[in-house]
Amino acid sequence: MRVVGRWLGVVAAAVAIGLSAASCGGGSAQRAGALTSFGHMAGYVWVGNVTAVTAHWSVPRMAGAGEAHASTWIGAQAPGPPRHSPFIQVGVLEDRAAEREPSYAAFWTDTMRGFHPRILFHVRPGDAVASALTLRDGRWRIFIVDTTSGMSS
Protein backbone atom coordinates (compact mmCIF):
# COMPACT_ATOMS: atom_id res chain seq x y z
CA MET A 1 0.00 0.00 0.00
CA ARG A 2 1.24 3.49 -0.83
CA VAL A 3 0.00 6.55 1.09
CA VAL A 4 0.68 10.15 0.04
CA GLY A 5 -0.07 12.81 2.63
CA ARG A 6 -1.81 16.14 3.14
CA TRP A 7 -5.41 15.22 4.07
CA LEU A 8 -5.95 14.62 7.79
CA GLY A 9 -7.78 11.36 8.23
CA VAL A 10 -7.50 7.62 8.50
CA VAL A 11 -6.43 5.35 5.67
CA ALA A 12 -6.90 1.61 5.79
CA ALA A 13 -5.96 -1.41 3.77
CA ALA A 14 -7.75 -4.40 5.15
CA VAL A 15 -9.19 -7.80 4.74
CA ALA A 16 -12.65 -7.95 6.28
CA ILE A 17 -13.57 -11.46 7.30
CA GLY A 18 -17.19 -12.63 7.53
CA LEU A 19 -18.85 -14.41 10.43
CA SER A 20 -18.02 -17.85 9.10
CA ALA A 21 -14.29 -17.12 9.00
CA ALA A 22 -11.76 -16.64 11.81
CA SER A 23 -10.89 -13.24 13.24
CA CYS A 24 -7.35 -11.95 13.29
CA GLY A 25 -5.61 -10.84 16.47
CA GLY A 26 -4.08 -7.46 17.21
CA GLY A 27 -0.49 -6.32 17.16
CA SER A 28 1.50 -3.35 18.33
CA ALA A 29 2.23 -0.23 16.30
CA GLN A 30 5.71 -0.17 14.83
CA ARG A 31 5.96 3.59 14.23
CA ALA A 32 4.00 6.77 14.88
CA GLY A 33 0.70 6.83 13.04
CA ALA A 34 0.62 3.10 12.28
CA LEU A 35 -1.97 0.85 13.89
CA THR A 36 -2.68 -2.81 13.28
CA SER A 37 -5.68 -5.14 13.38
CA PHE A 38 -9.05 -3.90 14.54
CA GLY A 39 -12.27 -5.75 15.31
CA HIS A 40 -13.17 -8.40 12.73
CA MET A 41 -10.75 -6.91 10.21
CA ALA A 42 -7.04 -7.40 9.77
CA GLY A 43 -4.91 -4.87 8.04
CA TYR A 44 -2.93 -1.69 8.20
CA VAL A 45 -4.25 1.69 9.35
CA TRP A 46 -2.44 5.01 8.98
CA VAL A 47 -3.63 8.08 10.87
CA GLY A 48 -2.34 11.32 9.37
CA ASN A 49 -2.41 13.68 6.40
CA VAL A 50 -3.43 11.80 3.23
CA THR A 51 -4.17 12.76 -0.40
CA ALA A 52 -3.73 9.39 -2.11
CA VAL A 53 -3.81 5.68 -1.33
CA THR A 54 -2.84 2.94 -3.79
CA ALA A 55 -2.52 -0.81 -3.49
CA HIS A 56 -2.29 -3.94 -5.60
CA TRP A 57 -2.94 -7.59 -4.80
CA SER A 58 -4.03 -10.93 -6.21
CA VAL A 59 -7.69 -11.84 -5.71
CA PRO A 60 -7.73 -14.59 -3.07
CA ARG A 61 -9.55 -17.88 -3.73
CA MET A 62 -12.16 -18.80 -1.11
CA ALA A 63 -11.47 -22.22 0.39
CA GLY A 64 -13.65 -24.60 2.33
CA ALA A 65 -17.40 -25.07 2.15
CA GLY A 66 -20.48 -23.29 3.39
CA GLU A 67 -21.35 -19.64 3.64
CA ALA A 68 -18.43 -17.21 3.73
CA HIS A 69 -17.89 -13.50 3.11
CA ALA A 70 -14.64 -11.56 2.83
CA SER A 71 -13.27 -8.45 1.14
CA THR A 72 -9.91 -6.93 0.32
CA TRP A 73 -9.90 -3.13 0.07
CA ILE A 74 -8.32 0.24 0.66
CA GLY A 75 -10.20 3.13 2.24
CA ALA A 76 -10.02 6.62 3.67
CA GLN A 77 -11.96 8.22 6.53
CA ALA A 78 -12.15 11.83 7.69
CA PRO A 79 -11.68 12.61 11.38
CA GLY A 80 -14.79 12.37 13.53
CA PRO A 81 -16.81 10.03 15.69
CA PRO A 82 -16.57 6.34 14.73
CA ARG A 83 -19.27 5.22 12.27
CA HIS A 84 -20.32 8.82 11.62
CA SER A 85 -17.36 10.44 9.86
CA PRO A 86 -17.08 10.33 6.04
CA PHE A 87 -15.54 7.08 4.78
CA ILE A 88 -14.86 5.68 1.28
CA GLN A 89 -13.45 2.33 0.15
CA VAL A 90 -12.66 0.42 -3.05
CA GLY A 91 -11.66 -3.23 -3.44
CA VAL A 92 -12.82 -6.77 -4.12
CA LEU A 93 -15.66 -8.73 -2.50
CA GLU A 94 -15.35 -12.49 -2.09
CA ASP A 95 -18.75 -14.07 -1.33
CA ARG A 96 -20.16 -17.57 -1.12
CA ALA A 97 -23.75 -18.29 -0.14
CA ALA A 98 -24.47 -21.74 1.29
CA GLU A 99 -24.50 -24.43 -1.41
CA ARG A 100 -23.25 -22.02 -4.12
CA GLU A 101 -20.06 -21.32 -6.01
CA PRO A 102 -18.10 -18.28 -4.78
CA SER A 103 -18.51 -14.95 -6.57
CA TYR A 104 -15.83 -12.27 -6.82
CA ALA A 105 -16.41 -8.62 -7.76
CA ALA A 106 -14.72 -5.23 -7.71
CA PHE A 107 -16.73 -2.73 -5.63
CA TRP A 108 -16.76 0.69 -3.99
CA THR A 109 -18.86 2.17 -1.23
CA ASP A 110 -18.99 5.07 1.20
CA THR A 111 -20.82 6.45 4.20
CA MET A 112 -23.53 8.05 2.02
CA ARG A 113 -24.44 4.60 0.64
CA GLY A 114 -24.64 3.08 4.11
CA PHE A 115 -21.63 0.90 3.26
CA HIS A 116 -23.71 -1.10 0.76
CA PRO A 117 -21.22 -2.07 -1.97
CA ARG A 118 -21.71 -0.89 -5.54
CA ILE A 119 -20.51 -3.68 -7.86
CA LEU A 120 -18.28 -2.39 -10.67
CA PHE A 121 -17.31 -5.59 -12.53
CA HIS A 122 -16.55 -9.25 -11.82
CA VAL A 123 -13.06 -10.63 -11.20
CA ARG A 124 -11.61 -14.13 -10.80
CA PRO A 125 -9.42 -15.68 -8.11
CA GLY A 126 -5.75 -15.12 -8.91
CA ASP A 127 -6.39 -11.98 -10.99
CA ALA A 128 -4.02 -9.08 -10.33
CA VAL A 129 -5.92 -6.01 -9.09
CA ALA A 130 -4.70 -2.42 -8.56
CA SER A 131 -6.76 0.24 -6.83
CA ALA A 132 -6.38 3.92 -5.98
CA LEU A 133 -8.10 6.65 -4.02
CA THR A 134 -6.99 10.19 -4.85
CA LEU A 135 -8.20 13.37 -3.13
CA ARG A 136 -8.63 16.25 -5.59
CA ASP A 137 -10.58 19.48 -5.06
CA GLY A 138 -12.01 18.09 -1.81
CA ARG A 139 -13.46 14.95 -3.45
CA TRP A 140 -12.15 11.40 -3.58
CA ARG A 141 -11.57 9.84 -7.01
CA ILE A 142 -11.81 6.05 -7.17
CA PHE A 143 -9.99 3.76 -9.60
CA ILE A 144 -9.73 -0.02 -9.75
CA VAL A 145 -8.37 -2.22 -12.53
CA ASP A 146 -8.13 -5.97 -13.01
CA THR A 147 -4.80 -6.02 -14.85
CA THR A 148 -5.34 -9.68 -15.77
CA SER A 149 -8.62 -9.15 -17.66
CA GLY A 150 -8.22 -5.45 -18.47
CA MET A 151 -11.55 -4.50 -16.82
CA SER A 152 -11.47 -1.17 -14.99
CA SER A 153 -13.69 1.46 -13.44
C-alpha atoms as a PDB file:
ATOM      1  CA  MET A   1       0.000   0.000   0.000  1.00  0.00           C
ATOM      2  CA  ARG A   2       1.238   3.491  -0.828  1.00  0.00           C
ATOM      3  CA  VAL A   3       0.001   6.545   1.088  1.00  0.00           C
ATOM      4  CA  VAL A   4       0.682  10.146   0.041  1.00  0.00           C
ATOM      5  CA  GLY A   5      -0.066  12.810   2.632  1.00  0.00           C
ATOM      6  CA  ARG A   6      -1.805  16.136   3.140  1.00  0.00           C
ATOM      7  CA  TRP A   7      -5.413  15.215   4.075  1.00  0.00           C
ATOM      8  CA  LEU A   8      -5.946  14.621   7.793  1.00  0.00           C
ATOM      9  CA  GLY A   9      -7.783  11.365   8.233  1.00  0.00           C
ATOM     10  CA  VAL A  10      -7.500   7.618   8.496  1.00  0.00           C
ATOM     11  CA  VAL A  11      -6.427   5.349   5.671  1.00  0.00           C
ATOM     12  CA  ALA A  12      -6.897   1.614   5.794  1.00  0.00           C
ATOM     13  CA  ALA A  13      -5.965  -1.408   3.767  1.00  0.00           C
ATOM     14  CA  ALA A  14      -7.748  -4.400   5.154  1.00  0.00           C
ATOM     15  CA  VAL A  15      -9.192  -7.798   4.744  1.00  0.00           C
ATOM     16  CA  ALA A  16     -12.651  -7.948   6.285  1.00  0.00           C
ATOM     17  CA  ILE A  17     -13.575 -11.461   7.302  1.00  0.00           C
ATOM     18  CA  GLY A  18     -17.194 -12.627   7.531  1.00  0.00           C
ATOM     19  CA  LEU A  19     -18.848 -14.407  10.427  1.00  0.00           C
ATOM     20  CA  SER A  20     -18.023 -17.854   9.098  1.00  0.00           C
ATOM     21  CA  ALA A  21     -14.288 -17.122   9.004  1.00  0.00           C
ATOM     22  CA  ALA A  22     -11.759 -16.640  11.806  1.00  0.00           C
ATOM     23  CA  SER A  23     -10.891 -13.235  13.245  1.00  0.00           C
ATOM     24  CA  CYS A  24      -7.346 -11.945  13.295  1.00  0.00           C
ATOM     25  CA  GLY A  25      -5.606 -10.845  16.475  1.00  0.00           C
ATOM     26  CA  GLY A  26      -4.077  -7.464  17.208  1.00  0.00           C
ATOM     27  CA  GLY A  27      -0.490  -6.321  17.164  1.00  0.00           C
ATOM     28  CA  SER A  28       1.497  -3.351  18.325  1.00  0.00           C
ATOM     29  CA  ALA A  29       2.232  -0.228  16.304  1.00  0.00           C
ATOM     30  CA  GLN A  30       5.708  -0.173  14.831  1.00  0.00           C
ATOM     31  CA  ARG A  31       5.956   3.586  14.228  1.00  0.00           C
ATOM     32  CA  ALA A  32       4.002   6.766  14.884  1.00  0.00           C
ATOM     33  CA  GLY A  33       0.704   6.829  13.036  1.00  0.00           C
ATOM     34  CA  ALA A  34       0.622   3.102  12.276  1.00  0.00           C
ATOM     35  CA  LEU A  35      -1.967   0.854  13.887  1.00  0.00           C
ATOM     36  CA  THR A  36      -2.679  -2.807  13.275  1.00  0.00           C
ATOM     37  CA  SER A  37      -5.676  -5.143  13.377  1.00  0.00           C
ATOM     38  CA  PHE A  38      -9.045  -3.896  14.538  1.00  0.00           C
ATOM     39  CA  GLY A  39     -12.273  -5.747  15.312  1.00  0.00           C
ATOM     40  CA  HIS A  40     -13.174  -8.397  12.734  1.00  0.00           C
ATOM     41  CA  MET A  41     -10.749  -6.905  10.209  1.00  0.00           C
ATOM     42  CA  ALA A  42      -7.042  -7.396   9.775  1.00  0.00           C
ATOM     43  CA  GLY A  43      -4.906  -4.870   8.043  1.00  0.00           C
ATOM     44  CA  TYR A  44      -2.931  -1.690   8.203  1.00  0.00           C
ATOM     45  CA  VAL A  45      -4.248   1.688   9.349  1.00  0.00           C
ATOM     46  CA  TRP A  46      -2.437   5.009   8.979  1.00  0.00           C
ATOM     47  CA  VAL A  47      -3.628   8.084  10.869  1.00  0.00           C
ATOM     48  CA  GLY A  48      -2.343  11.321   9.365  1.00  0.00           C
ATOM     49  CA  ASN A  49      -2.407  13.677   6.401  1.00  0.00           C
ATOM     50  CA  VAL A  50      -3.427  11.803   3.227  1.00  0.00           C
ATOM     51  CA  THR A  51      -4.172  12.760  -0.400  1.00  0.00           C
ATOM     52  CA  ALA A  52      -3.730   9.390  -2.110  1.00  0.00           C
ATOM     53  CA  VAL A  53      -3.809   5.684  -1.330  1.00  0.00           C
ATOM     54  CA  THR A  54      -2.844   2.941  -3.788  1.00  0.00           C
ATOM     55  CA  ALA A  55      -2.522  -0.815  -3.488  1.00  0.00           C
ATOM     56  CA  HIS A  56      -2.287  -3.938  -5.605  1.00  0.00           C
ATOM     57  CA  TRP A  57      -2.938  -7.587  -4.795  1.00  0.00           C
ATOM     58  CA  SER A  58      -4.029 -10.932  -6.209  1.00  0.00           C
ATOM     59  CA  VAL A  59      -7.686 -11.838  -5.712  1.00  0.00           C
ATOM     60  CA  PRO A  60      -7.734 -14.587  -3.068  1.00  0.00           C
ATOM     61  CA  ARG A  61      -9.554 -17.877  -3.732  1.00  0.00           C
ATOM     62  CA  MET A  62     -12.158 -18.801  -1.113  1.00  0.00           C
ATOM     63  CA  ALA A  63     -11.468 -22.223   0.389  1.00  0.00           C
ATOM     64  CA  GLY A  64     -13.648 -24.604   2.335  1.00  0.00           C
ATOM     65  CA  ALA A  65     -17.398 -25.074   2.147  1.00  0.00           C
ATOM     66  CA  GLY A  66     -20.478 -23.293   3.392  1.00  0.00           C
ATOM     67  CA  GLU A  67     -21.349 -19.636   3.642  1.00  0.00           C
ATOM     68  CA  ALA A  68     -18.427 -17.211   3.733  1.00  0.00           C
ATOM     69  CA  HIS A  69     -17.893 -13.500   3.113  1.00  0.00           C
ATOM     70  CA  ALA A  70     -14.641 -11.560   2.825  1.00  0.00           C
ATOM     71  CA  SER A  71     -13.273  -8.454   1.140  1.00  0.00           C
ATOM     72  CA  THR A  72      -9.914  -6.934   0.323  1.00  0.00           C
ATOM     73  CA  TRP A  73      -9.902  -3.134   0.071  1.00  0.00           C
ATOM     74  CA  ILE A  74      -8.323   0.244   0.662  1.00  0.00           C
ATOM     75  CA  GLY A  75     -10.204   3.133   2.244  1.00  0.00           C
ATOM     76  CA  ALA A  76     -10.021   6.624   3.675  1.00  0.00           C
ATOM     77  CA  GLN A  77     -11.963   8.216   6.529  1.00  0.00           C
ATOM     78  CA  ALA A  78     -12.153  11.826   7.689  1.00  0.00           C
ATOM     79  CA  PRO A  79     -11.683  12.614  11.377  1.00  0.00           C
ATOM     80  CA  GLY A  80     -14.787  12.370  13.535  1.00  0.00           C
ATOM     81  CA  PRO A  81     -16.811  10.034  15.694  1.00  0.00           C
ATOM     82  CA  PRO A  82     -16.566   6.339  14.731  1.00  0.00           C
ATOM     83  CA  ARG A  83     -19.269   5.215  12.270  1.00  0.00           C
ATOM     84  CA  HIS A  84     -20.323   8.822  11.618  1.00  0.00           C
ATOM     85  CA  SER A  85     -17.365  10.445   9.861  1.00  0.00           C
ATOM     86  CA  PRO A  86     -17.080  10.327   6.044  1.00  0.00           C
ATOM     87  CA  PHE A  87     -15.543   7.078   4.781  1.00  0.00           C
ATOM     88  CA  ILE A  88     -14.862   5.683   1.285  1.00  0.00           C
ATOM     89  CA  GLN A  89     -13.450   2.331   0.146  1.00  0.00           C
ATOM     90  CA  VAL A  90     -12.662   0.416  -3.053  1.00  0.00           C
ATOM     91  CA  GLY A  91     -11.661  -3.227  -3.436  1.00  0.00           C
ATOM     92  CA  VAL A  92     -12.816  -6.766  -4.122  1.00  0.00           C
ATOM     93  CA  LEU A  93     -15.659  -8.731  -2.504  1.00  0.00           C
ATOM     94  CA  GLU A  94     -15.354 -12.488  -2.091  1.00  0.00           C
ATOM     95  CA  ASP A  95     -18.754 -14.068  -1.332  1.00  0.00           C
ATOM     96  CA  ARG A  96     -20.161 -17.571  -1.118  1.00  0.00           C
ATOM     97  CA  ALA A  97     -23.745 -18.285  -0.145  1.00  0.00           C
ATOM     98  CA  ALA A  98     -24.473 -21.741   1.292  1.00  0.00           C
ATOM     99  CA  GLU A  99     -24.501 -24.435  -1.412  1.00  0.00           C
ATOM    100  CA  ARG A 100     -23.249 -22.020  -4.115  1.00  0.00           C
ATOM    101  CA  GLU A 101     -20.055 -21.322  -6.012  1.00  0.00           C
ATOM    102  CA  PRO A 102     -18.103 -18.281  -4.779  1.00  0.00           C
ATOM    103  CA  SER A 103     -18.506 -14.950  -6.571  1.00  0.00           C
ATOM    104  CA  TYR A 104     -15.832 -12.267  -6.821  1.00  0.00           C
ATOM    105  CA  ALA A 105     -16.412  -8.623  -7.756  1.00  0.00           C
ATOM    106  CA  ALA A 106     -14.718  -5.227  -7.711  1.00  0.00           C
ATOM    107  CA  PHE A 107     -16.725  -2.726  -5.631  1.00  0.00           C
ATOM    108  CA  TRP A 108     -16.762   0.685  -3.990  1.00  0.00           C
ATOM    109  CA  THR A 109     -18.865   2.173  -1.227  1.00  0.00           C
ATOM    110  CA  ASP A 110     -18.989   5.074   1.199  1.00  0.00           C
ATOM    111  CA  THR A 111     -20.819   6.454   4.205  1.00  0.00           C
ATOM    112  CA  MET A 112     -23.525   8.048   2.024  1.00  0.00           C
ATOM    113  CA  ARG A 113     -24.441   4.599   0.638  1.00  0.00           C
ATOM    114  CA  GLY A 114     -24.639   3.084   4.113  1.00  0.00           C
ATOM    115  CA  PHE A 115     -21.626   0.904   3.264  1.00  0.00           C
ATOM    116  CA  HIS A 116     -23.713  -1.096   0.759  1.00  0.00           C
ATOM    117  CA  PRO A 117     -21.225  -2.074  -1.968  1.00  0.00           C
ATOM    118  CA  ARG A 118     -21.706  -0.889  -5.544  1.00  0.00           C
ATOM    119  CA  ILE A 119     -20.508  -3.678  -7.859  1.00  0.00           C
ATOM    120  CA  LEU A 120     -18.282  -2.394 -10.671  1.00  0.00           C
ATOM    121  CA  PHE A 121     -17.308  -5.594 -12.526  1.00  0.00           C
ATOM    122  CA  HIS A 122     -16.552  -9.254 -11.821  1.00  0.00           C
ATOM    123  CA  VAL A 123     -13.056 -10.631 -11.205  1.00  0.00           C
ATOM    124  CA  ARG A 124     -11.608 -14.126 -10.799  1.00  0.00           C
ATOM    125  CA  PRO A 125      -9.417 -15.682  -8.110  1.00  0.00           C
ATOM    126  CA  GLY A 126      -5.749 -15.118  -8.911  1.00  0.00           C
ATOM    127  CA  ASP A 127      -6.392 -11.978 -10.992  1.00  0.00           C
ATOM    128  CA  ALA A 128      -4.018  -9.081 -10.326  1.00  0.00           C
ATOM    129  CA  VAL A 129      -5.924  -6.008  -9.091  1.00  0.00           C
ATOM    130  CA  ALA A 130      -4.705  -2.425  -8.564  1.00  0.00           C
ATOM    131  CA  SER A 131      -6.761   0.244  -6.825  1.00  0.00           C
ATOM    132  CA  ALA A 132      -6.378   3.916  -5.983  1.00  0.00           C
ATOM    133  CA  LEU A 133      -8.102   6.646  -4.016  1.00  0.00           C
ATOM    134  CA  THR A 134      -6.990  10.195  -4.855  1.00  0.00           C
ATOM    135  CA  LEU A 135      -8.200  13.370  -3.134  1.00  0.00           C
ATOM    136  CA  ARG A 136      -8.626  16.252  -5.588  1.00  0.00           C
ATOM    137  CA  ASP A 137     -10.583  19.475  -5.060  1.00  0.00           C
ATOM    138  CA  GLY A 138     -12.010  18.095  -1.814  1.00  0.00           C
ATOM    139  CA  ARG A 139     -13.457  14.946  -3.454  1.00  0.00           C
ATOM    140  CA  TRP A 140     -12.146  11.404  -3.584  1.00  0.00           C
ATOM    141  CA  ARG A 141     -11.568   9.845  -7.013  1.00  0.00           C
ATOM    142  CA  ILE A 142     -11.811   6.050  -7.167  1.00  0.00           C
ATOM    143  CA  PHE A 143      -9.989   3.759  -9.597  1.00  0.00           C
ATOM    144  CA  ILE A 144      -9.730  -0.022  -9.753  1.00  0.00           C
ATOM    145  CA  VAL A 145      -8.367  -2.222 -12.534  1.00  0.00           C
ATOM    146  CA  ASP A 146      -8.131  -5.974 -13.005  1.00  0.00           C
ATOM    147  CA  THR A 147      -4.801  -6.017 -14.852  1.00  0.00           C
ATOM    148  CA  THR A 148      -5.336  -9.681 -15.767  1.00  0.00           C
ATOM    149  CA  SER A 149      -8.619  -9.148 -17.664  1.00  0.00           C
ATOM    150  CA  GLY A 150      -8.216  -5.448 -18.470  1.00  0.00           C
ATOM    151  CA  MET A 151     -11.549  -4.503 -16.816  1.00  0.00           C
ATOM    152  CA  SER A 152     -11.469  -1.166 -14.990  1.00  0.00           C
ATOM    153  CA  SER A 153     -13.693   1.460 -13.439  1.00  0.00           C
END
